Protein backbone atom coordinates (compact mmCIF):
# COMPACT_ATOMS: atom_id res chain seq x y z
CA UNK A 1 -28.48 37.88 -16.17
CA UNK A 2 -29.40 35.44 -13.71
CA UNK A 3 -28.33 32.53 -15.42
CA UNK A 4 -24.57 34.11 -15.98
CA UNK A 5 -24.56 34.76 -12.29
CA UNK A 6 -25.31 30.96 -11.52
CA UNK A 7 -22.53 29.82 -14.28
CA UNK A 8 -19.87 32.00 -12.51
CA UNK A 9 -21.05 31.03 -9.12
CA UNK A 10 -21.05 27.04 -10.30
CA UNK A 11 -17.31 27.79 -11.79
CA UNK A 12 -16.24 29.50 -8.31
CA UNK A 13 -17.49 26.60 -6.38
CA UNK A 14 -16.09 23.98 -8.80
CA UNK A 15 -12.39 25.55 -8.38
CA UNK A 16 -12.89 25.99 -4.60
CA UNK A 17 -13.39 22.15 -4.37
CA UNK A 18 -9.96 21.82 -6.30
CA UNK A 19 -7.93 24.16 -3.77
CA UNK A 20 -5.21 22.55 -1.47
CA UNK A 21 -6.16 23.06 1.70
CA UNK A 22 -2.56 21.63 3.42
CA UNK A 23 -2.03 19.42 6.09
CA UNK A 24 -3.72 19.96 9.56
CA UNK A 25 -1.82 21.93 12.21
CA UNK A 26 0.86 19.56 14.08
CA UNK A 27 -1.01 20.98 17.40
CA UNK A 28 -4.20 18.96 16.76
CA UNK A 29 -4.43 15.73 18.91
CA UNK A 30 -4.73 12.29 17.34
CA UNK A 31 -8.35 10.66 17.19
CA UNK A 32 -8.75 8.49 20.13
CA UNK A 33 -8.30 4.75 19.21
CA UNK A 34 -10.33 2.71 21.79
CA UNK A 35 -11.17 -0.57 21.01
CA UNK A 36 -14.33 -2.54 20.86
CA UNK A 37 -14.74 -6.48 21.30
CA UNK A 38 -18.41 -7.40 20.51
CA UNK A 39 -18.04 -11.32 21.54
CA UNK A 40 -18.82 -10.40 25.07
CA UNK A 41 -22.10 -8.36 24.31
CA UNK A 42 -23.51 -11.24 22.02
CA UNK A 43 -25.71 -12.96 24.79
CA UNK A 44 -27.68 -9.66 24.65
CA UNK A 45 -28.93 -10.14 21.45
CA UNK A 46 -32.67 -11.03 21.42
CA UNK A 47 -33.08 -8.43 24.54
CA UNK A 48 -35.25 -5.07 24.42
CA UNK A 49 -32.81 -2.12 23.36
CA UNK A 50 -32.89 0.52 26.56
CA UNK A 51 -30.52 3.33 27.53
CA UNK A 52 -29.33 0.93 30.79
CA UNK A 53 -28.32 -1.77 28.20
CA UNK A 54 -26.83 0.59 25.92
CA UNK A 55 -24.42 1.68 29.02
CA UNK A 56 -23.94 -2.11 29.82
CA UNK A 57 -22.87 -2.86 26.43
CA UNK A 58 -20.46 0.02 26.61
CA UNK A 59 -18.90 -1.39 29.47
CA UNK A 60 -18.89 -4.85 28.28
CA UNK A 61 -17.26 -4.12 25.15
CA UNK A 62 -14.94 -1.72 25.68
CA UNK A 63 -16.29 0.70 23.12
CA UNK A 64 -16.41 4.66 23.61
CA UNK A 65 -19.18 5.36 21.28
CA UNK A 66 -22.37 3.76 20.64
CA UNK A 67 -24.59 3.89 17.58
CA UNK A 68 -28.01 2.47 17.73
CA UNK A 69 -29.40 1.36 14.15
CA UNK A 70 -33.12 1.23 13.85
CA UNK A 71 -34.80 -0.85 11.28
CA UNK A 72 -34.54 0.16 7.44
CA UNK A 73 -32.14 2.77 8.46
CA UNK A 74 -28.97 3.77 6.33
CA UNK A 75 -25.53 3.94 8.12
CA UNK A 76 -22.23 5.21 7.11
CA UNK A 77 -19.73 2.12 6.32
CA UNK A 78 -16.69 4.16 7.91
CA UNK A 79 -14.81 1.85 10.39
CA UNK A 80 -14.30 3.18 13.94
CA UNK A 81 -12.44 0.93 16.20
CA UNK A 82 -14.02 2.74 19.01
CA UNK A 83 -17.62 2.26 18.03
CA UNK A 84 -20.02 -0.30 18.94
CA UNK A 85 -23.01 -0.87 16.68
CA UNK A 86 -26.53 -2.15 17.67
CA UNK A 87 -29.11 -3.12 15.58
CA UNK A 88 -32.76 -3.49 16.44
CA UNK A 89 -36.21 -4.38 15.08
CA UNK A 90 -39.54 -2.48 14.99
CA UNK A 91 -39.97 -4.16 18.56
CA UNK A 92 -36.89 -2.64 19.68
CA UNK A 93 -35.41 -6.15 20.30
CA UNK A 94 -31.63 -6.40 19.47
CA UNK A 95 -30.79 -8.23 16.17
CA UNK A 96 -27.15 -7.39 15.57
CA UNK A 97 -24.36 -6.12 18.01
CA UNK A 98 -20.92 -5.10 16.00
CA UNK A 99 -17.74 -3.00 16.43
CA UNK A 100 -17.14 -0.35 13.61
């Protein structure tokens, strides 16, 4: 009985994934397209990662979003023109500054 229920549930969920959801409503605003330029912040590589430095990096690069990347962390590979990515090591020393 339970296995039949699980099979039916799996079938319904599989079909639900194939459903056409249509296009988004016209009233939704477009995603903000800021620009990030990492070059002006490269002199901060080697410094300690702090909240104040994060604010400065956003100001210098023109990015709207800041993503801190701790050591040995997995991050998404999606590109965002408005995002600054800052990687640091175990001692909170910045090792990489890039856009996306």
